[in-house]
Amino acid sequence: MKGALRIKRIYEPPARNDGQRVLVDRIWPRGVTREAAALDLWLKEIAPSTELRKWFGHDPSRYAEFRDRYRRELEAQPDAVAEICALAGKGDVTLLYGAHDEHANQAVVLAEYLAERGYRFQRAG
């Protein structure tokens, strides 16, 4: 049975139902200690490339193009995607991100990408 995928800002406290907590940012979030993050895995390889991250700059007008480009990058990272899938195959996984925008970030794109492959994505709230 596949677990549920959730997304959450890393600045929110860990919760009992988070399951495996996986940071999907390439850069460590400011102001968060490793203890507070309570990570099970920091999967930098699955994060958008530095070039794509800088190009996007969290500009909402670029989100659609960012989404398309990031999905192409995910296609080129089968090992990192397989690692997330393996975790989700064992139970719930919470994808953690540091961005301010809760609706236009790489964790949302990644969760949607995985949902298209049969993993259950539960949106927060």
PDB file of N, CA and C in Angstrom:
ATOM      1  N   MET A   1       0.852  -1.204   0.000  1.00  0.00           N
ATOM      2  CA  MET A   1       0.000   0.000   0.000  1.00  0.00           C
ATOM      3  C   MET A   1       0.883   1.247   0.000  1.00  0.00           C
ATOM      4  N   LYS A   2       0.544   2.157  -0.849  1.00  0.00           N
ATOM      5  CA  LYS A   2       1.293   3.407  -0.926  1.00  0.00           C
ATOM      6  C   LYS A   2       0.800   4.378   0.135  1.00  0.00           C
ATOM      7  N   GLY A   3       1.749   5.096   0.712  1.00  0.00           N
ATOM      8  CA  GLY A   3       1.399   6.097   1.702  1.00  0.00           C
ATOM      9  C   GLY A   3       0.927   7.378   1.050  1.00  0.00           C
ATOM     10  N   ALA A   4       0.467   8.280   1.869  1.00  0.00           N
ATOM     11  CA  ALA A   4       0.030   9.590   1.386  1.00  0.00           C
ATOM     12  C   ALA A   4       1.237  10.520   1.301  1.00  0.00           C
ATOM     13  N   LEU A   5       1.216  11.397   0.320  1.00  0.00           N
ATOM     14  CA  LEU A   5       2.208  12.463   0.189  1.00  0.00           C
ATOM     15  C   LEU A   5       1.586  13.744   0.702  1.00  0.00           C
ATOM     16  N   ARG A   6       2.344  14.452   1.508  1.00  0.00           N
ATOM     17  CA  ARG A   6       1.908  15.759   1.978  1.00  0.00           C
ATOM     18  C   ARG A   6       3.031  16.742   1.704  1.00  0.00           C
ATOM     19  N   ILE A   7       2.693  18.015   1.674  1.00  0.00           N
ATOM     20  CA  ILE A   7       3.722  19.048   1.575  1.00  0.00           C
ATOM     21  C   ILE A   7       3.545  19.998   2.750  1.00  0.00           C
ATOM     22  N   LYS A   8       4.686  20.547   3.184  1.00  0.00           N
ATOM     23  CA  LYS A   8       4.645  21.382   4.379  1.00  0.00           C
ATOM     24  C   LYS A   8       5.876  22.280   4.386  1.00  0.00           C
ATOM     25  N   ARG A   9       5.704  23.500   4.830  1.00  0.00           N
ATOM     26  CA  ARG A   9       6.874  24.370   5.023  1.00  0.00           C
ATOM     27  C   ARG A   9       7.706  23.810   6.154  1.00  0.00           C
ATOM     28  N   ILE A  10       8.993  23.841   5.982  1.00  0.00           N
ATOM     29  CA  ILE A  10       9.886  23.299   6.998  1.00  0.00           C
ATOM     30  C   ILE A  10       9.817  24.112   8.290  1.00  0.00           C
ATOM     31  N   TYR A  11       9.291  25.322   8.220  1.00  0.00           N
ATOM     32  CA  TYR A  11       9.180  26.191   9.390  1.00  0.00           C
ATOM     33  C   TYR A  11       8.016  25.797  10.291  1.00  0.00           C
ATOM     34  N   GLU A  12       7.134  24.923   9.803  1.00  0.00           N
ATOM     35  CA  GLU A  12       6.040  24.415  10.632  1.00  0.00           C
ATOM     36  C   GLU A  12       6.588  23.282  11.497  1.00  0.00           C
ATOM     37  N   PRO A  13       6.087  23.156  12.727  1.00  0.00           N
ATOM     38  CA  PRO A  13       6.613  22.097  13.601  1.00  0.00           C
ATOM     39  C   PRO A  13       6.262  20.706  13.065  1.00  0.00           C
ATOM     40  N   PRO A  14       7.114  19.729  13.365  1.00  0.00           N
ATOM     41  CA  PRO A  14       6.803  18.352  12.965  1.00  0.00           C
ATOM     42  C   PRO A  14       5.491  17.903  13.610  1.00  0.00           C
ATOM     43  N   ALA A  15       4.802  17.027  12.900  1.00  0.00           N
ATOM     44  CA  ALA A  15       3.542  16.479  13.415  1.00  0.00           C
ATOM     45  C   ALA A  15       3.621  14.959  13.428  1.00  0.00           C
ATOM     46  N   ARG A  16       2.833  14.365  14.263  1.00  0.00           N
ATOM     47  CA  ARG A  16       2.834  12.912  14.400  1.00  0.00           C
ATOM     48  C   ARG A  16       2.494  12.218  13.080  1.00  0.00           C
ATOM     49  N   ASN A  17       1.628  12.820  12.261  1.00  0.00           N
ATOM     50  CA  ASN A  17       1.200  12.179  11.017  1.00  0.00           C
ATOM     51  C   ASN A  17       2.076  12.532   9.808  1.00  0.00           C
ATOM     52  N   ASP A  18       3.234  13.156  10.036  1.00  0.00           N
ATOM     53  CA  ASP A  18       4.115  13.513   8.918  1.00  0.00           C
ATOM     54  C   ASP A  18       4.710  12.294   8.222  1.00  0.00           C
ATOM     55  N   GLY A  19       4.872  11.206   8.928  1.00  0.00           N
ATOM     56  CA  GLY A  19       5.559  10.058   8.336  1.00  0.00           C
ATOM     57  C   GLY A  19       7.028  10.416   8.116  1.00  0.00           C
ATOM     58  N   GLN A  20       7.601   9.971   7.015  1.00  0.00           N
ATOM     59  CA  GLN A  20       8.980  10.306   6.679  1.00  0.00           C
ATOM     60  C   GLN A  20       9.036  11.770   6.249  1.00  0.00           C
ATOM     61  N   ARG A  21       9.930  12.529   6.846  1.00  0.00           N
ATOM     62  CA  ARG A  21      10.068  13.960   6.542  1.00  0.00           C
ATOM     63  C   ARG A  21      11.271  14.145   5.624  1.00  0.00           C
ATOM     64  N   VAL A  22      10.994  14.641   4.403  1.00  0.00           N
ATOM     65  CA  VAL A  22      12.027  14.753   3.377  1.00  0.00           C
ATOM     66  C   VAL A  22      12.125  16.202   2.904  1.00  0.00           C
ATOM     67  N   LEU A  23      13.298  16.798   3.092  1.00  0.00           N
ATOM     68  CA  LEU A  23      13.544  18.148   2.592  1.00  0.00           C
ATOM     69  C   LEU A  23      13.866  18.058   1.107  1.00  0.00           C
ATOM     70  N   VAL A  24      13.131  18.813   0.286  1.00  0.00           N
ATOM     71  CA  VAL A  24      13.308  18.770  -1.169  1.00  0.00           C
ATOM     72  C   VAL A  24      13.837  20.095  -1.706  1.00  0.00           C
ATOM     73  N   ASP A  25      14.612  20.791  -0.896  1.00  0.00           N
ATOM     74  CA  ASP A  25      15.307  22.023  -1.286  1.00  0.00           C
ATOM     75  C   ASP A  25      16.780  21.696  -1.502  1.00  0.00           C
ATOM     76  N   ARG A  26      17.402  22.388  -2.422  1.00  0.00           N
ATOM     77  CA  ARG A  26      18.829  22.207  -2.665  1.00  0.00           C
ATOM     78  C   ARG A  26      19.666  22.943  -1.616  1.00  0.00           C
ATOM     79  N   ILE A  27      19.109  24.020  -1.066  1.00  0.00           N
ATOM     80  CA  ILE A  27      19.806  24.850  -0.086  1.00  0.00           C
ATOM     81  C   ILE A  27      19.102  24.707   1.261  1.00  0.00           C
ATOM     82  N   TRP A  28      19.901  24.610   2.329  1.00  0.00           N
ATOM     83  CA  TRP A  28      19.314  24.493   3.667  1.00  0.00           C
ATOM     84  C   TRP A  28      18.541  25.771   4.009  1.00  0.00           C
ATOM     85  N   PRO A  29      17.319  25.646   4.521  1.00  0.00           N
ATOM     86  CA  PRO A  29      16.492  26.815   4.863  1.00  0.00           C
ATOM     87  C   PRO A  29      17.097  27.641   5.999  1.00  0.00           C
ATOM     88  N   ARG A  30      17.042  28.936   5.844  1.00  0.00           N
ATOM     89  CA  ARG A  30      17.581  29.855   6.853  1.00  0.00           C
ATOM     90  C   ARG A  30      16.838  29.730   8.161  1.00  0.00           C
ATOM     91  N   GLY A  31      17.604  29.780   9.237  1.00  0.00           N
ATOM     92  CA  GLY A  31      17.016  29.844  10.564  1.00  0.00           C
ATOM     93  C   GLY A  31      16.463  28.540  11.099  1.00  0.00           C
ATOM     94  N   VAL A  32      16.681  27.437  10.423  1.00  0.00           N
ATOM     95  CA  VAL A  32      16.167  26.146  10.879  1.00  0.00           C
ATOM     96  C   VAL A  32      17.343  25.279  11.308  1.00  0.00           C
ATOM     97  N   THR A  33      17.288  24.799  12.526  1.00  0.00           N
ATOM     98  CA  THR A  33      18.340  23.889  12.980  1.00  0.00           C
ATOM     99  C   THR A  33      18.014  22.479  12.496  1.00  0.00           C
ATOM    100  N   ARG A  34      19.016  21.670  12.456  1.00  0.00           N
ATOM    101  CA  ARG A  34      18.795  20.268  12.043  1.00  0.00           C
ATOM    102  C   ARG A  34      17.877  19.552  13.032  1.00  0.00           C
ATOM    103  N   GLU A  35      17.978  19.907  14.283  1.00  0.00           N
ATOM    104  CA  GLU A  35      17.116  19.287  15.293  1.00  0.00           C
ATOM    105  C   GLU A  35      15.653  19.690  15.064  1.00  0.00           C
ATOM    106  N   ALA A  36      15.423  20.984  14.836  1.00  0.00           N
ATOM    107  CA  ALA A  36      14.055  21.468  14.619  1.00  0.00           C
ATOM    108  C   ALA A  36      13.458  20.898  13.337  1.00  0.00           C
ATOM    109  N   ALA A  37      14.290  20.667  12.337  1.00  0.00           N
ATOM    110  CA  ALA A  37      13.799  20.142  11.062  1.00  0.00           C
ATOM    111  C   ALA A  37      13.293  18.713  11.203  1.00  0.00           C
ATOM    112  N   ALA A  38      13.872  17.953  12.124  1.00  0.00           N
ATOM    113  CA  ALA A  38      13.468  16.564  12.364  1.00  0.00           C
ATOM    114  C   ALA A  38      13.362  15.772  11.058  1.00  0.00           C
ATOM    115  N   LEU A  39      14.402  15.883  10.234  1.00  0.00           N
ATOM    116  CA  LEU A  39      14.400  15.239   8.922  1.00  0.00           C
ATOM    117  C   LEU A  39      14.718  13.760   9.000  1.00  0.00           C
ATOM    118  N   ASP A  40      14.128  13.026   8.079  1.00  0.00           N
ATOM    119  CA  ASP A  40      14.541  11.654   7.839  1.00  0.00           C
ATOM    120  C   ASP A  40      15.499  11.606   6.654  1.00  0.00           C
ATOM    121  N   LEU A  41      15.356  12.593   5.745  1.00  0.00           N
ATOM    122  CA  LEU A  41      16.182  12.614   4.546  1.00  0.00           C
ATOM    123  C   LEU A  41      16.223  14.026   3.975  1.00  0.00           C
ATOM    124  N   TRP A  42      17.393  14.444   3.526  1.00  0.00           N
ATOM    125  CA  TRP A  42      17.538  15.683   2.762  1.00  0.00           C
ATOM    126  C   TRP A  42      17.923  15.250   1.359  1.00  0.00           C
ATOM    127  N   LEU A  43      16.984  15.315   0.438  1.00  0.00           N
ATOM    128  CA  LEU A  43      17.185  14.829  -0.923  1.00  0.00           C
ATOM    129  C   LEU A  43      17.431  16.003  -1.861  1.00  0.00           C
ATOM    130  N   LYS A  44      18.637  16.552  -1.797  1.00  0.00           N
ATOM    131  CA  LYS A  44      19.010  17.709  -2.623  1.00  0.00           C
ATOM    132  C   LYS A  44      18.862  17.413  -4.109  1.00  0.00           C
ATOM    133  N   GLU A  45      19.154  16.171  -4.491  1.00  0.00           N
ATOM    134  CA  GLU A  45      19.171  15.796  -5.907  1.00  0.00           C
ATOM    135  C   GLU A  45      17.825  15.954  -6.593  1.00  0.00           C
ATOM    136  N   ILE A  46      16.750  15.918  -5.819  1.00  0.00           N
ATOM    137  CA  ILE A  46      15.424  16.016  -6.430  1.00  0.00           C
ATOM    138  C   ILE A  46      14.947  17.458  -6.541  1.00  0.00           C
ATOM    139  N   ALA A  47      15.675  18.369  -5.935  1.00  0.00           N
ATOM    140  CA  ALA A  47      15.322  19.793  -5.982  1.00  0.00           C
ATOM    141  C   ALA A  47      15.613  20.355  -7.375  1.00  0.00           C
ATOM    142  N   PRO A  48      14.971  21.459  -7.730  1.00  0.00           N
ATOM    143  CA  PRO A  48      15.290  22.104  -9.007  1.00  0.00           C
ATOM    144  C   PRO A  48      16.770  22.476  -9.065  1.00  0.00           C
ATOM    145  N   SER A  49      17.320  22.462 -10.265  1.00  0.00           N
ATOM    146  CA  SER A  49      18.712  22.846 -10.438  1.00  0.00           C
ATOM    147  C   SER A  49      18.926  24.284  -9.970  1.00  0.00           C
ATOM    148  N   THR A  50      20.163  24.601  -9.650  1.00  0.00           N
ATOM    149  CA  THR A  50      20.497  25.957  -9.228  1.00  0.00           C
ATOM    150  C   THR A  50      20.087  26.964 -10.301  1.00  0.00           C
ATOM    151  N   GLU A  51      20.351  26.627 -11.555  1.00  0.00           N
ATOM    152  CA  GLU A  51      19.999  27.533 -12.663  1.00  0.00           C
ATOM    153  C   GLU A  51      18.499  27.774 -12.720  1.00  0.00           C
ATOM    154  N   LEU A  52      17.715  26.700 -12.602  1.00  0.00           N
ATOM    155  CA  LEU A  52      16.261  26.848 -12.664  1.00  0.00           C
ATOM    156  C   LEU A  52      15.747  27.612 -11.454  1.00  0.00           C
ATOM    157  N   ARG A  53      16.263  27.303 -10.293  1.00  0.00           N
ATOM    158  CA  ARG A  53      15.835  28.003  -9.069  1.00  0.00           C
ATOM    159  C   ARG A  53      16.092  29.499  -9.181  1.00  0.00           C
ATOM    160  N   LYS A  54      17.274  29.862  -9.644  1.00  0.00           N
ATOM    161  CA  LYS A  54      17.608  31.283  -9.780  1.00  0.00           C
ATOM    162  C   LYS A  54      16.750  31.952 -10.847  1.00  0.00           C
ATOM    163  N   TRP A  55      16.511  31.263 -11.952  1.00  0.00           N
ATOM    164  CA  TRP A  55      15.669  31.832 -13.014  1.00  0.00           C
ATOM    165  C   TRP A  55      14.256  32.086 -12.487  1.00  0.00           C
ATOM    166  N   PHE A  56      13.692  31.123 -11.779  1.00  0.00           N
ATOM    167  CA  PHE A  56      12.333  31.242 -11.252  1.00  0.00           C
ATOM    168  C   PHE A  56      12.236  32.373 -10.244  1.00  0.00           C
ATOM    169  N   GLY A  57      13.131  32.409  -9.278  1.00  0.00           N
ATOM    170  CA  GLY A  57      13.135  33.470  -8.284  1.00  0.00           C
ATOM    171  C   GLY A  57      11.813  33.635  -7.553  1.00  0.00           C
ATOM    172  N   HIS A  58      10.992  32.593  -7.528  1.00  0.00           N
ATOM    173  CA  HIS A  58       9.670  32.611  -6.886  1.00  0.00           C
ATOM    174  C   HIS A  58       8.771  33.710  -7.442  1.00  0.00           C
ATOM    175  N   ASP A  59       8.950  34.007  -8.724  1.00  0.00           N
ATOM    176  CA  ASP A  59       8.109  34.983  -9.429  1.00  0.00           C
ATOM    177  C   ASP A  59       6.852  34.257  -9.911  1.00  0.00           C
ATOM    178  N   PRO A  60       5.682  34.595  -9.363  1.00  0.00           N
ATOM    179  CA  PRO A  60       4.451  33.897  -9.739  1.00  0.00           C
ATOM    180  C   PRO A  60       4.179  33.896 -11.250  1.00  0.00           C
ATOM    181  N   SER A  61       4.613  34.931 -11.943  1.00  0.00           N
ATOM    182  CA  SER A  61       4.373  34.984 -13.389  1.00  0.00           C
ATOM    183  C   SER A  61       5.212  33.936 -14.138  1.00  0.00           C
ATOM    184  N   ARG A  62       6.220  33.382 -13.492  1.00  0.00           N
ATOM    185  CA  ARG A  62       7.076  32.374 -14.127  1.00  0.00           C
ATOM    186  C   ARG A  62       6.739  30.948 -13.669  1.00  0.00           C
ATOM    187  N   TYR A  63       5.731  30.812 -12.815  1.00  0.00           N
ATOM    188  CA  TYR A  63       5.461  29.500 -12.225  1.00  0.00           C
ATOM    189  C   TYR A  63       5.108  28.442 -13.268  1.00  0.00           C
ATOM    190  N   ALA A  64       4.262  28.747 -14.220  1.00  0.00           N
ATOM    191  CA  ALA A  64       3.866  27.741 -15.213  1.00  0.00           C
ATOM    192  C   ALA A  64       5.089  27.223 -15.977  1.00  0.00           C
ATOM    193  N   GLU A  65       5.959  28.118 -16.382  1.00  0.00           N
ATOM    194  CA  GLU A  65       7.175  27.706 -17.091  1.00  0.00           C
ATOM    195  C   GLU A  65       8.117  26.958 -16.139  1.00  0.00           C
ATOM    196  N   PHE A  66       8.221  27.428 -14.897  1.00  0.00           N
ATOM    197  CA  PHE A  66       9.031  26.732 -13.895  1.00  0.00           C
ATOM    198  C   PHE A  66       8.538  25.305 -13.728  1.00  0.00           C
ATOM    199  N   ARG A  67       7.241  25.149 -13.622  1.00  0.00           N
ATOM    200  CA  ARG A  67       6.632  23.822 -13.443  1.00  0.00           C
ATOM    201  C   ARG A  67       7.030  22.900 -14.592  1.00  0.00           C
ATOM    202  N   ASP A  68       6.912  23.384 -15.812  1.00  0.00           N
ATOM    203  CA  ASP A  68       7.270  22.567 -16.981  1.00  0.00           C
ATOM    204  C   ASP A  68       8.750  22.205 -16.984  1.00  0.00           C
ATOM    205  N   ARG A  69       9.591  23.184 -16.704  1.00  0.00           N
ATOM    206  CA  ARG A  69      11.040  22.934 -16.709  1.00  0.00           C
ATOM    207  C   ARG A  69      11.442  21.978 -15.588  1.00  0.00           C
ATOM    208  N   TYR A  70      10.847  22.154 -14.418  1.00  0.00           N
ATOM    209  CA  TYR A  70      11.190  21.289 -13.290  1.00  0.00           C
ATOM    210  C   TYR A  70      10.739  19.849 -13.558  1.00  0.00           C
ATOM    211  N   ARG A  71       9.584  19.684 -14.162  1.00  0.00           N
ATOM    212  CA  ARG A  71       9.115  18.338 -14.500  1.00  0.00           C
ATOM    213  C   ARG A  71      10.092  17.661 -15.467  1.00  0.00           C
ATOM    214  N   ARG A  72      10.653  18.417 -16.391  1.00  0.00           N
ATOM    215  CA  ARG A  72      11.659  17.849 -17.295  1.00  0.00           C
ATOM    216  C   ARG A  72      12.906  17.443 -16.506  1.00  0.00           C
ATOM    217  N   GLU A  73      13.284  18.258 -15.533  1.00  0.00           N
ATOM    218  CA  GLU A  73      14.422  17.890 -14.685  1.00  0.00           C
ATOM    219  C   GLU A  73      14.124  16.615 -13.887  1.00  0.00           C
ATOM    220  N   LEU A  74      12.903  16.484 -13.400  1.00  0.00           N
ATOM    221  CA  LEU A  74      12.545  15.269 -12.662  1.00  0.00           C
ATOM    222  C   LEU A  74      12.660  14.033 -13.543  1.00  0.00           C
ATOM    223  N   GLU A  75      12.267  14.167 -14.800  1.00  0.00           N
ATOM    224  CA  GLU A  75      12.396  13.045 -15.743  1.00  0.00           C
ATOM    225  C   GLU A  75      13.848  12.615 -15.878  1.00  0.00           C
ATOM    226  N   ALA A  76      14.761  13.548 -15.717  1.00  0.00           N
ATOM    227  CA  ALA A  76      16.196  13.268 -15.861  1.00  0.00           C
ATOM    228  C   ALA A  76      16.831  12.800 -14.546  1.00  0.00           C
ATOM    229  N   GLN A  77      16.027  12.694 -13.484  1.00  0.00           N
ATOM    230  CA  GLN A  77      16.523  12.274 -12.161  1.00  0.00           C
ATOM    231  C   GLN A  77      15.792  11.013 -11.686  1.00  0.00           C
ATOM    232  N   PRO A  78      15.830   9.930 -12.445  1.00  0.00           N
ATOM    233  CA  PRO A  78      15.035   8.753 -12.049  1.00  0.00           C
ATOM    234  C   PRO A  78      15.453   8.154 -10.708  1.00  0.00           C
ATOM    235  N   ASP A  79      16.729   8.247 -10.340  1.00  0.00           N
ATOM    236  CA  ASP A  79      17.157   7.669  -9.066  1.00  0.00           C
ATOM    237  C   ASP A  79      16.570   8.423  -7.877  1.00  0.00           C
ATOM    238  N   ALA A  80      16.573   9.751  -7.949  1.00  0.00           N
ATOM    239  CA  ALA A  80      16.009  10.558  -6.865  1.00  0.00           C
ATOM    240  C   ALA A  80      14.505  10.354  -6.772  1.00  0.00           C
ATOM    241  N   VAL A  81      13.830  10.298  -7.914  1.00  0.00           N
ATOM    242  CA  VAL A  81      12.387  10.055  -7.925  1.00  0.00           C
ATOM    243  C   VAL A  81      12.099   8.670  -7.345  1.00  0.00           C
ATOM    244  N   ALA A  82      12.906   7.692  -7.719  1.00  0.00           N
ATOM    245  CA  ALA A  82      12.712   6.333  -7.207  1.00  0.00           C
ATOM    246  C   ALA A  82      12.892   6.285  -5.688  1.00  0.00           C
ATOM    247  N   GLU A  83      13.790   7.111  -5.165  1.00  0.00           N
ATOM    248  CA  GLU A  83      14.006   7.138  -3.716  1.00  0.00           C
ATOM    249  C   GLU A  83      12.761   7.632  -2.982  1.00  0.00           C
ATOM    250  N   ILE A  84      12.153   8.688  -3.506  1.00  0.00           N
ATOM    251  CA  ILE A  84      10.895   9.189  -2.909  1.00  0.00           C
ATOM    252  C   ILE A  84       9.799   8.137  -3.049  1.00  0.00           C
ATOM    253  N   CYS A  85       9.716   7.518  -4.210  1.00  0.00           N
ATOM    254  CA  CYS A  85       8.688   6.493  -4.438  1.00  0.00           C
ATOM    255  C   CYS A  85       8.858   5.317  -3.483  1.00  0.00           C
ATOM    256  N   ALA A  86      10.096   4.929  -3.225  1.00  0.00           N
ATOM    257  CA  ALA A  86      10.350   3.824  -2.305  1.00  0.00           C
ATOM    258  C   ALA A  86       9.877   4.177  -0.894  1.00  0.00           C
ATOM    259  N   LEU A  87      10.144   5.402  -0.469  1.00  0.00           N
ATOM    260  CA  LEU A  87       9.672   5.835   0.854  1.00  0.00           C
ATOM    261  C   LEU A  87       8.149   5.837   0.906  1.00  0.00           C
ATOM    262  N   ALA A  88       7.523   6.393  -0.136  1.00  0.00           N
ATOM    263  CA  ALA A  88       6.059   6.468  -0.172  1.00  0.00           C
ATOM    264  C   ALA A  88       5.433   5.083  -0.274  1.00  0.00           C
ATOM    265  N   GLY A  89       6.174   4.136  -0.817  1.00  0.00           N
ATOM    266  CA  GLY A  89       5.691   2.766  -0.887  1.00  0.00           C
ATOM    267  C   GLY A  89       5.616   2.098   0.477  1.00  0.00           C
ATOM    268  N   LYS A  90       6.326   2.662   1.449  1.00  0.00           N
ATOM    269  CA  LYS A  90       6.361   2.098   2.799  1.00  0.00           C
ATOM    270  C   LYS A  90       5.444   2.825   3.776  1.00  0.00           C
ATOM    271  N   GLY A  91       4.987   4.050   3.417  1.00  0.00           N
ATOM    272  CA  GLY A  91       4.147   4.815   4.336  1.00  0.00           C
ATOM    273  C   GLY A  91       4.076   6.272   3.937  1.00  0.00           C
ATOM    274  N   ASP A  92       3.527   7.076   4.811  1.00  0.00           N
ATOM    275  CA  ASP A  92       3.335   8.496   4.525  1.00  0.00           C
ATOM    276  C   ASP A  92       4.665   9.231   4.419  1.00  0.00           C
ATOM    277  N   VAL A  93       4.688  10.233   3.541  1.00  0.00           N
ATOM    278  CA  VAL A  93       5.873  11.060   3.324  1.00  0.00           C
ATOM    279  C   VAL A  93       5.433  12.516   3.283  1.00  0.00           C
ATOM    280  N   THR A  94       6.149  13.362   4.008  1.00  0.00           N
ATOM    281  CA  THR A  94       5.916  14.803   3.952  1.00  0.00           C
ATOM    282  C   THR A  94       7.104  15.442   3.263  1.00  0.00           C
ATOM    283  N   LEU A  95       6.813  16.117   2.144  1.00  0.00           N
ATOM    284  CA  LEU A  95       7.831  16.840   1.384  1.00  0.00           C
ATOM    285  C   LEU A  95       7.949  18.230   1.992  1.00  0.00           C
ATOM    286  N   LEU A  96       9.129  18.556   2.469  1.00  0.00           N
ATOM    287  CA  LEU A  96       9.367  19.831   3.142  1.00  0.00           C
ATOM    288  C   LEU A  96      10.073  20.807   2.218  1.00  0.00           C
ATOM    289  N   TYR A  97       9.677  22.076   2.316  1.00  0.00           N
ATOM    290  CA  TYR A  97      10.257  23.131   1.479  1.00  0.00           C
ATOM    291  C   TYR A  97      10.358  24.398   2.313  1.00  0.00           C
ATOM    292  N   GLY A  98      11.184  25.325   1.862  1.00  0.00           N
ATOM    293  CA  GLY A  98      11.378  26.568   2.591  1.00  0.00           C
ATOM    294  C   GLY A  98      10.698  27.781   1.980  1.00  0.00           C
ATOM    295  N   ALA A  99      10.189  27.681   0.775  1.00  0.00           N
ATOM    296  CA  ALA A  99       9.602  28.827   0.081  1.00  0.00           C
ATOM    297  C   ALA A  99       8.430  29.433   0.856  1.00  0.00           C
ATOM    298  N   HIS A 100       8.213  30.728   0.671  1.00  0.00           N
ATOM    299  CA  HIS A 100       7.081  31.411   1.317  1.00  0.00           C
ATOM    300  C   HIS A 100       5.750  31.053   0.663  1.00  0.00           C
ATOM    301  N   ASP A 101       5.753  30.911  -0.653  1.00  0.00           N
ATOM    302  CA  ASP A 101       4.522  30.640  -1.399  1.00  0.00           C
ATOM    303  C   ASP A 101       4.133  29.171  -1.228  1.00  0.00           C
ATOM    304  N   GLU A 102       2.989  28.939  -0.623  1.00  0.00           N
ATOM    305  CA  GLU A 102       2.538  27.576  -0.358  1.00  0.00           C
ATOM    306  C   GLU A 102       1.928  26.890  -1.570  1.00  0.00           C
ATOM    307  N   HIS A 103       1.667  27.635  -2.640  1.00  0.00           N
ATOM    308  CA  HIS A 103       0.981  27.071  -3.798  1.00  0.00           C
ATOM    309  C   HIS A 103       1.849  26.998  -5.041  1.00  0.00           C
ATOM    310  N   ALA A 104       2.938  27.755  -5.077  1.00  0.00           N
ATOM    311  CA  ALA A 104       3.791  27.802  -6.270  1.00  0.00           C
ATOM    312  C   ALA A 104       5.235  27.553  -5.853  1.00  0.00           C
ATOM    313  N   ASN A 105       5.542  26.280  -5.619  1.00  0.00           N
ATOM    314  CA  ASN A 105       6.901  25.910  -5.229  1.00  0.00           C
ATOM    315  C   ASN A 105       7.203  24.503  -5.728  1.00  0.00           C
ATOM    316  N   GLN A 106       8.449  24.090  -5.595  1.00  0.00           N
ATOM    317  CA  GLN A 106       8.862  22.805  -6.136  1.00  0.00           C
ATOM    318  C   GLN A 106       8.209  21.623  -5.455  1.00  0.00           C
ATOM    319  N   ALA A 107       7.876  21.732  -4.171  1.00  0.00           N
ATOM    320  CA  ALA A 107       7.238  20.616  -3.480  1.00  0.00           C
ATOM    321  C   ALA A 107       5.858  20.335  -4.071  1.00  0.00           C
ATOM    322  N   VAL A 108       5.129  21.373  -4.452  1.00  0.00           N
ATOM    323  CA  VAL A 108       3.819  21.198  -5.084  1.00  0.00           C
ATOM    324  C   VAL A 108       3.991  20.482  -6.422  1.00  0.00           C
ATOM    325  N   VAL A 109       4.949  20.934  -7.217  1.00  0.00           N
ATOM    326  CA  VAL A 109       5.198  20.312  -8.526  1.00  0.00           C
ATOM    327  C   VAL A 109       5.582  18.846  -8.337  1.00  0.00           C
ATOM    328  N   LEU A 110       6.473  18.583  -7.400  1.00  0.00           N
ATOM    329  CA  LEU A 110       6.927  17.218  -7.150  1.00  0.00           C
ATOM    330  C   LEU A 110       5.771  16.332  -6.689  1.00  0.00           C
ATOM    331  N   ALA A 111       4.954  16.820  -5.776  1.00  0.00           N
ATOM    332  CA  ALA A 111       3.814  16.032  -5.292  1.00  0.00           C
ATOM    333  C   ALA A 111       2.829  15.741  -6.423  1.00  0.00           C
ATOM    334  N   GLU A 112       2.570  16.733  -7.272  1.00  0.00           N
ATOM    335  CA  GLU A 112       1.674  16.512  -8.417  1.00  0.00           C
ATOM    336  C   GLU A 112       2.280  15.500  -9.390  1.00  0.00           C
ATOM    337  N   TYR A 113       3.572  15.604  -9.619  1.00  0.00           N
ATOM    338  CA  TYR A 113       4.296  14.681 -10.492  1.00  0.00           C
ATOM    339  C   TYR A 113       4.165  13.245  -9.967  1.00  0.00           C
ATOM    340  N   LEU A 114       4.348  13.079  -8.675  1.00  0.00           N
ATOM    341  CA  LEU A 114       4.240  11.753  -8.075  1.00  0.00           C
ATOM    342  C   LEU A 114       2.791  11.257  -8.057  1.00  0.00           C
ATOM    343  N   ALA A 115       1.853  12.167  -7.865  1.00  0.00           N
ATOM    344  CA  ALA A 115       0.434  11.794  -7.876  1.00  0.00           C
ATOM    345  C   ALA A 115       0.041  11.221  -9.237  1.00  0.00           C
ATOM    346  N   GLU A 116       0.612  11.758 -10.296  1.00  0.00           N
ATOM    347  CA  GLU A 116       0.337  11.236 -11.644  1.00  0.00           C
ATOM    348  C   GLU A 116       0.882   9.827 -11.817  1.00  0.00           C
ATOM    349  N   ARG A 117       1.762   9.413 -10.936  1.00  0.00           N
ATOM    350  CA  ARG A 117       2.348   8.078 -10.979  1.00  0.00           C
ATOM    351  C   ARG A 117       1.721   7.150  -9.937  1.00  0.00           C
ATOM    352  N   GLY A 118       0.576   7.553  -9.407  1.00  0.00           N
ATOM    353  CA  GLY A 118      -0.191   6.679  -8.532  1.00  0.00           C
ATOM    354  C   GLY A 118      -0.054   6.912  -7.052  1.00  0.00           C
ATOM    355  N   TYR A 119       0.709   7.929  -6.659  1.00  0.00           N
ATOM    356  CA  TYR A 119       0.862   8.217  -5.236  1.00  0.00           C
ATOM    357  C   TYR A 119      -0.197   9.219  -4.814  1.00  0.00           C
ATOM    358  N   ARG A 120      -0.747   9.013  -3.640  1.00  0.00           N
ATOM    359  CA  ARG A 120      -1.846   9.835  -3.130  1.00  0.00           C
ATOM    360  C   ARG A 120      -1.294  11.132  -2.544  1.00  0.00           C
ATOM    361  N   PHE A 121      -1.716  12.239  -3.096  1.00  0.00           N
ATOM    362  CA  PHE A 121      -1.279  13.575  -2.651  1.00  0.00           C
ATOM    363  C   PHE A 121      -2.408  14.191  -1.858  1.00  0.00           C
ATOM    364  N   GLN A 122      -2.174  14.433  -0.567  1.00  0.00           N
ATOM    365  CA  GLN A 122      -3.166  15.082   0.292  1.00  0.00           C
ATOM    366  C   GLN A 122      -2.739  16.524   0.509  1.00  0.00           C
ATOM    367  N   ARG A 123      -3.501  17.428  -0.060  1.00  0.00           N
ATOM    368  CA  ARG A 123      -3.188  18.840   0.143  1.00  0.00           C
ATOM    369  C   ARG A 123      -3.499  19.230   1.578  1.00  0.00           C
ATOM    370  N   ALA A 124      -2.631  20.045   2.140  1.00  0.00           N
ATOM    371  CA  ALA A 124      -2.827  20.508   3.510  1.00  0.00           C
ATOM    372  C   ALA A 124      -4.049  21.424   3.588  1.00  0.00           C
ATOM    373  N   GLY A 125      -4.640  21.455   4.786  1.00  0.00           N
ATOM    374  CA  GLY A 125      -5.756  22.363   5.022  1.00  0.00           C
ATOM    375  C   GLY A 125      -6.969  21.805   4.449  1.00  0.00           C
TER     376      GLY A 125
END
